[in-house]
N, C-alpha and C. Protein backbone atom coordinates (compact mmCIF):
# COMPACT_ATOMS: atom_id res chain seq x y z
N MET A 1 1.05 -1.70 -0.34
CA MET A 1 0.19 -0.15 -0.31
C MET A 1 1.42 1.49 0.27
N LYS A 2 0.87 2.35 -0.61
CA LYS A 2 0.90 3.37 -1.01
C LYS A 2 0.69 4.36 0.17
N THR A 3 2.13 4.43 0.80
CA THR A 3 1.21 6.21 1.56
C THR A 3 1.55 7.31 0.29
N LYS A 4 0.49 8.36 0.99
CA LYS A 4 0.96 9.47 0.58
C LYS A 4 1.92 10.72 1.18
N THR A 5 2.99 11.31 0.70
CA THR A 5 4.00 11.77 0.92
C THR A 5 2.73 13.59 1.58
N PRO A 6 3.12 13.80 2.76
CA PRO A 6 2.19 15.66 3.24
C PRO A 6 2.68 16.36 2.86
N GLN A 7 2.23 17.11 2.18
CA GLN A 7 1.75 18.05 1.52
C GLN A 7 2.72 19.26 2.44
N PRO A 8 3.35 20.52 2.15
CA PRO A 8 4.14 21.30 2.93
C PRO A 8 2.46 22.37 3.10
N TYR A 9 2.85 23.06 3.86
CA TYR A 9 1.67 24.35 3.94
C TYR A 9 1.95 25.75 3.47
N THR A 10 0.59 25.77 2.83
CA THR A 10 1.01 26.58 1.47
C THR A 10 0.86 28.44 1.78
N VAL A 11 1.63 29.07 2.21
CA VAL A 11 1.65 30.22 2.60
C VAL A 11 0.76 31.47 1.45
N MET A 12 0.06 31.84 1.99
CA MET A 12 -0.21 33.18 1.23
C MET A 12 -0.70 34.29 1.99
N SER A 13 -0.40 34.65 0.16
CA SER A 13 -0.18 36.77 0.83
C SER A 13 -1.49 37.22 1.34
N ALA A 14 -1.86 38.03 2.00
CA ALA A 14 -2.38 38.87 2.45
C ALA A 14 -3.78 39.46 1.31
N LYS A 15 -3.54 39.41 0.53
CA LYS A 15 -4.15 39.89 -0.58
C LYS A 15 -5.10 37.94 -1.32
N GLU A 16 -4.27 37.22 -0.98
CA GLU A 16 -4.97 35.71 -1.81
C GLU A 16 -6.16 35.95 -0.47
N ILE A 17 -5.28 36.00 0.76
CA ILE A 17 -6.23 35.76 1.79
C ILE A 17 -7.95 36.56 1.90
N MET A 18 -7.23 37.94 1.43
CA MET A 18 -8.71 38.77 1.62
C MET A 18 -9.80 38.25 0.35
N ALA A 19 -9.20 37.66 0.06
CA ALA A 19 -10.17 37.50 -1.21
C ALA A 19 -11.06 35.79 -0.74
N ILE A 20 -10.74 35.62 0.01
CA ILE A 20 -11.75 34.28 0.20
C ILE A 20 -12.73 34.58 0.73
N LYS A 21 -13.92 33.92 0.25
CA LYS A 21 -15.36 34.73 0.34
C LYS A 21 -15.74 33.89 1.79
N THR A 22 -16.14 34.73 2.98
CA THR A 22 -16.83 34.16 3.70
C THR A 22 -18.31 33.64 3.64
N PRO A 23 -18.86 32.24 4.21
CA PRO A 23 -20.08 32.47 3.76
C PRO A 23 -21.50 33.28 4.70
N VAL A 24 -22.49 33.46 4.17
CA VAL A 24 -23.50 33.84 4.32
C VAL A 24 -24.11 33.11 5.39
N LEU A 25 -23.98 33.75 6.89
CA LEU A 25 -24.68 32.82 7.80
C LEU A 25 -25.94 33.08 8.58
N VAL A 26 -25.85 34.87 8.46
CA VAL A 26 -27.48 35.45 8.82
C VAL A 26 -27.62 36.34 7.98
N LYS A 27 -29.02 35.96 7.39
CA LYS A 27 -29.93 36.49 5.96
C LYS A 27 -30.84 37.76 6.82
N GLU A 28 -31.30 38.60 6.12
CA GLU A 28 -32.72 39.23 6.93
C GLU A 28 -33.95 39.16 5.89
N THR A 29 -35.01 39.47 6.29
CA THR A 29 -36.33 38.96 5.42
C THR A 29 -36.45 40.57 6.26
N LYS A 30 -37.64 41.25 5.76
CA LYS A 30 -38.87 41.80 6.23
C LYS A 30 -39.31 41.98 7.62
N THR A 31 -39.49 40.51 8.33
CA THR A 31 -39.92 40.34 9.40
C THR A 31 -38.71 39.80 10.06
N THR A 32 -38.17 39.61 9.37
CA THR A 32 -37.15 38.27 10.95
C THR A 32 -35.62 37.94 9.96
N ILE A 33 -34.56 37.84 11.09
CA ILE A 33 -33.40 37.70 10.93
C ILE A 33 -33.04 35.75 11.23
N LYS A 34 -32.43 35.51 9.70
CA LYS A 34 -32.52 33.87 9.71
C LYS A 34 -31.09 33.92 9.86
N LEU A 35 -30.41 32.22 10.73
CA LEU A 35 -29.50 32.02 11.41
C LEU A 35 -28.87 30.86 10.72
N VAL A 36 -28.03 31.01 9.90
CA VAL A 36 -28.48 29.25 8.71
C VAL A 36 -27.70 28.33 9.51
N THR A 37 -28.54 27.33 9.83
CA THR A 37 -27.55 26.16 11.06
C THR A 37 -27.16 25.17 10.15
N PRO A 38 -25.58 24.60 10.80
CA PRO A 38 -25.06 23.57 10.12
C PRO A 38 -26.01 21.64 10.14
N PHE A 39 -27.56 21.98 10.43
CA PHE A 39 -28.13 21.50 10.10
C PHE A 39 -28.85 21.00 8.66
N GLY A 40 -29.00 22.40 8.38
CA GLY A 40 -29.61 22.59 6.74
C GLY A 40 -30.99 23.36 6.72
N ASN A 41 -30.79 24.26 8.58
CA ASN A 41 -32.45 24.84 7.82
C ASN A 41 -32.13 26.06 8.86
N TYR A 42 -33.12 26.89 9.18
CA TYR A 42 -32.45 28.52 9.92
C TYR A 42 -33.34 28.53 11.48
N TYR A 43 -32.43 29.04 12.13
CA TYR A 43 -33.11 30.08 13.04
C TYR A 43 -33.86 31.07 13.06
N GLU A 44 -34.86 31.09 13.67
CA GLU A 44 -35.48 32.83 12.67
C GLU A 44 -35.23 33.48 14.44
N ILE A 45 -35.20 34.50 14.15
CA ILE A 45 -35.79 35.94 15.32
C ILE A 45 -36.53 36.94 14.61
N GLU A 46 -37.50 36.95 15.41
CA GLU A 46 -38.35 38.24 14.57
C GLU A 46 -37.48 39.54 15.04
N ARG A 47 -37.68 40.17 13.34
CA ARG A 47 -36.91 41.11 14.20
C ARG A 47 -37.60 42.18 15.53
N SER A 48 -38.87 42.45 15.91
CA SER A 48 -38.79 43.15 16.74
C SER A 48 -38.31 42.44 18.10
N ARG A 49 -38.23 40.93 18.06
CA ARG A 49 -37.66 40.94 19.74
C ARG A 49 -36.23 40.93 19.22
N ALA A 50 -35.61 42.28 18.65
CA ALA A 50 -34.46 41.83 18.43
C ALA A 50 -33.87 43.59 18.28
N ASN A 51 -35.08 44.57 18.53
CA ASN A 51 -34.61 46.07 18.18
C ASN A 51 -34.02 47.16 18.88
N THR A 52 -33.41 46.88 19.99
CA THR A 52 -33.07 47.81 20.63
C THR A 52 -31.46 46.79 21.10
N PRO A 53 -30.90 47.92 21.44
CA PRO A 53 -30.14 48.29 21.86
C PRO A 53 -29.23 46.49 23.08
N GLU A 54 -30.66 46.30 23.59
CA GLU A 54 -30.82 45.44 25.50
C GLU A 54 -31.33 44.25 24.50
N LYS A 55 -32.17 44.04 23.49
CA LYS A 55 -32.77 42.74 23.03
C LYS A 55 -31.81 42.20 22.68
N LEU A 56 -30.60 43.20 22.03
CA LEU A 56 -29.78 42.45 21.03
C LEU A 56 -28.79 41.89 21.77
N LEU A 57 -28.16 42.55 23.14
CA LEU A 57 -27.21 42.01 23.52
C LEU A 57 -28.27 40.23 24.24
N GLY A 58 -29.11 40.34 24.71
CA GLY A 58 -29.95 39.70 25.06
C GLY A 58 -30.19 38.60 24.07
N TRP A 59 -30.27 38.47 22.47
CA TRP A 59 -29.81 37.58 21.99
C TRP A 59 -28.77 37.18 21.47
N ILE A 60 -27.75 37.66 22.04
CA ILE A 60 -26.35 37.57 21.57
C ILE A 60 -25.98 36.90 22.89
N ALA A 61 -26.16 36.90 23.63
CA ALA A 61 -25.63 35.80 25.11
C ALA A 61 -26.43 34.80 24.57
N HIS A 62 -27.84 34.57 24.35
CA HIS A 62 -28.86 33.41 23.97
C HIS A 62 -27.88 32.39 22.55
N LEU A 63 -27.48 32.86 21.91
CA LEU A 63 -26.97 32.54 20.73
C LEU A 63 -25.94 31.91 21.11
N SER A 64 -25.05 32.71 21.98
CA SER A 64 -23.25 32.31 22.50
C SER A 64 -23.85 30.69 23.53
N GLU A 65 -24.77 30.73 23.06
CA GLU A 65 -24.75 29.06 24.39
C GLU A 65 -24.91 28.49 23.57
N LYS A 66 -26.02 28.08 22.13
CA LYS A 66 -25.40 27.44 20.79
C LYS A 66 -24.42 26.55 20.76
N THR A 67 -24.89 24.59 20.80
CA THR A 67 -22.88 24.62 20.46
C THR A 67 -22.64 24.64 18.59
N TRP A 68 -23.27 24.98 17.77
CA TRP A 68 -23.29 25.12 16.49
C TRP A 68 -23.29 26.55 15.99
N VAL A 69 -23.25 27.73 16.90
CA VAL A 69 -23.30 29.42 16.41
C VAL A 69 -21.91 29.51 17.22
N THR A 70 -21.04 29.91 15.89
CA THR A 70 -20.17 30.41 15.74
C THR A 70 -19.93 32.13 15.68
N PRO A 71 -18.52 33.15 16.24
CA PRO A 71 -18.46 33.70 16.28
C PRO A 71 -18.60 34.68 14.91
N GLU A 72 -18.59 33.89 13.82
CA GLU A 72 -18.99 35.00 12.55
C GLU A 72 -20.12 34.82 12.50
N HIS A 73 -20.89 33.76 12.85
CA HIS A 73 -22.93 33.45 13.04
C HIS A 73 -23.11 35.19 13.87
N ILE A 74 -21.87 35.66 14.99
CA ILE A 74 -22.60 36.42 16.13
C ILE A 74 -21.82 38.17 15.40
N ARG A 75 -21.03 37.54 14.66
CA ARG A 75 -20.23 38.94 14.01
C ARG A 75 -21.68 39.30 12.31
N GLN A 76 -22.36 38.44 11.54
CA GLN A 76 -22.93 38.84 10.74
C GLN A 76 -24.18 38.83 11.75
N LEU A 77 -24.55 38.51 12.76
CA LEU A 77 -25.89 39.20 13.06
C LEU A 77 -25.92 40.84 13.56
N ILE A 78 -24.21 41.21 14.54
CA ILE A 78 -24.53 42.70 15.07
C ILE A 78 -24.50 43.68 13.71
N LEU A 79 -23.99 42.96 12.54
CA LEU A 79 -23.73 43.61 11.39
C LEU A 79 -25.26 44.11 10.79
N ILE A 80 -26.13 43.06 10.55
CA ILE A 80 -27.29 43.13 10.13
C ILE A 80 -28.43 43.81 11.03
N LEU A 81 -28.55 43.90 12.22
CA LEU A 81 -28.53 44.99 13.18
C LEU A 81 -28.10 46.00 13.10
N GLY A 82 -27.37 46.50 13.34
CA GLY A 82 -26.64 47.68 13.27
C GLY A 82 -26.60 48.25 11.81
N LYS A 83 -27.02 47.18 10.39
CA LYS A 83 -27.51 48.87 9.47
C LYS A 83 -29.15 48.80 9.77
N ILE A 84 -29.82 48.03 9.88
CA ILE A 84 -31.02 47.47 10.17
C ILE A 84 -31.23 49.39 10.49
N LYS A 85 -30.63 49.21 11.76
CA LYS A 85 -31.26 50.24 12.83
C LYS A 85 -30.60 51.82 12.01
N GLY A 86 -29.36 51.53 10.72
CA GLY A 86 -28.54 52.41 10.82
C GLY A 86 -27.83 53.38 11.51
N MET A 87 -27.23 52.35 12.24
CA MET A 87 -25.72 52.28 12.80
C MET A 87 -24.43 51.86 11.60
N SER A 88 -23.49 51.99 11.84
CA SER A 88 -22.39 52.24 10.69
C SER A 88 -21.19 51.39 12.73
N ILE A 89 -21.07 50.49 12.47
CA ILE A 89 -20.49 49.80 12.59
C ILE A 89 -18.68 49.38 12.48
N GLU A 90 -18.20 49.48 13.34
CA GLU A 90 -16.85 49.37 12.48
C GLU A 90 -16.55 48.09 13.67
N MET A 91 -15.85 47.45 12.49
CA MET A 91 -15.39 45.73 13.36
C MET A 91 -13.75 45.93 13.33
N LYS A 92 -13.47 45.60 14.21
CA LYS A 92 -11.86 45.64 14.70
C LYS A 92 -11.06 44.00 14.26
N SER A 93 -10.00 44.14 13.67
CA SER A 93 -9.86 42.88 13.95
C SER A 93 -8.50 42.68 14.63
């Protein structure tokens, strides 16, 4: 049986890294915010239940306890709800 030779790590430039597309994990409709789950469905939040900073923080705390929610879910949720409220949110890297 022939074994595979390990491949060396590839070094990517900053430009190549920036070109990587982040999957859309949070979508908005007129009445809901939908988080894409790894199970092929959506976890929906009615917009009216996340329309204040206090409610948003409550949802972030709640969602952070879900084993399938990633930091990217949270980041996209914050950006979408900020856009809905007309806020310009600066994300630090």
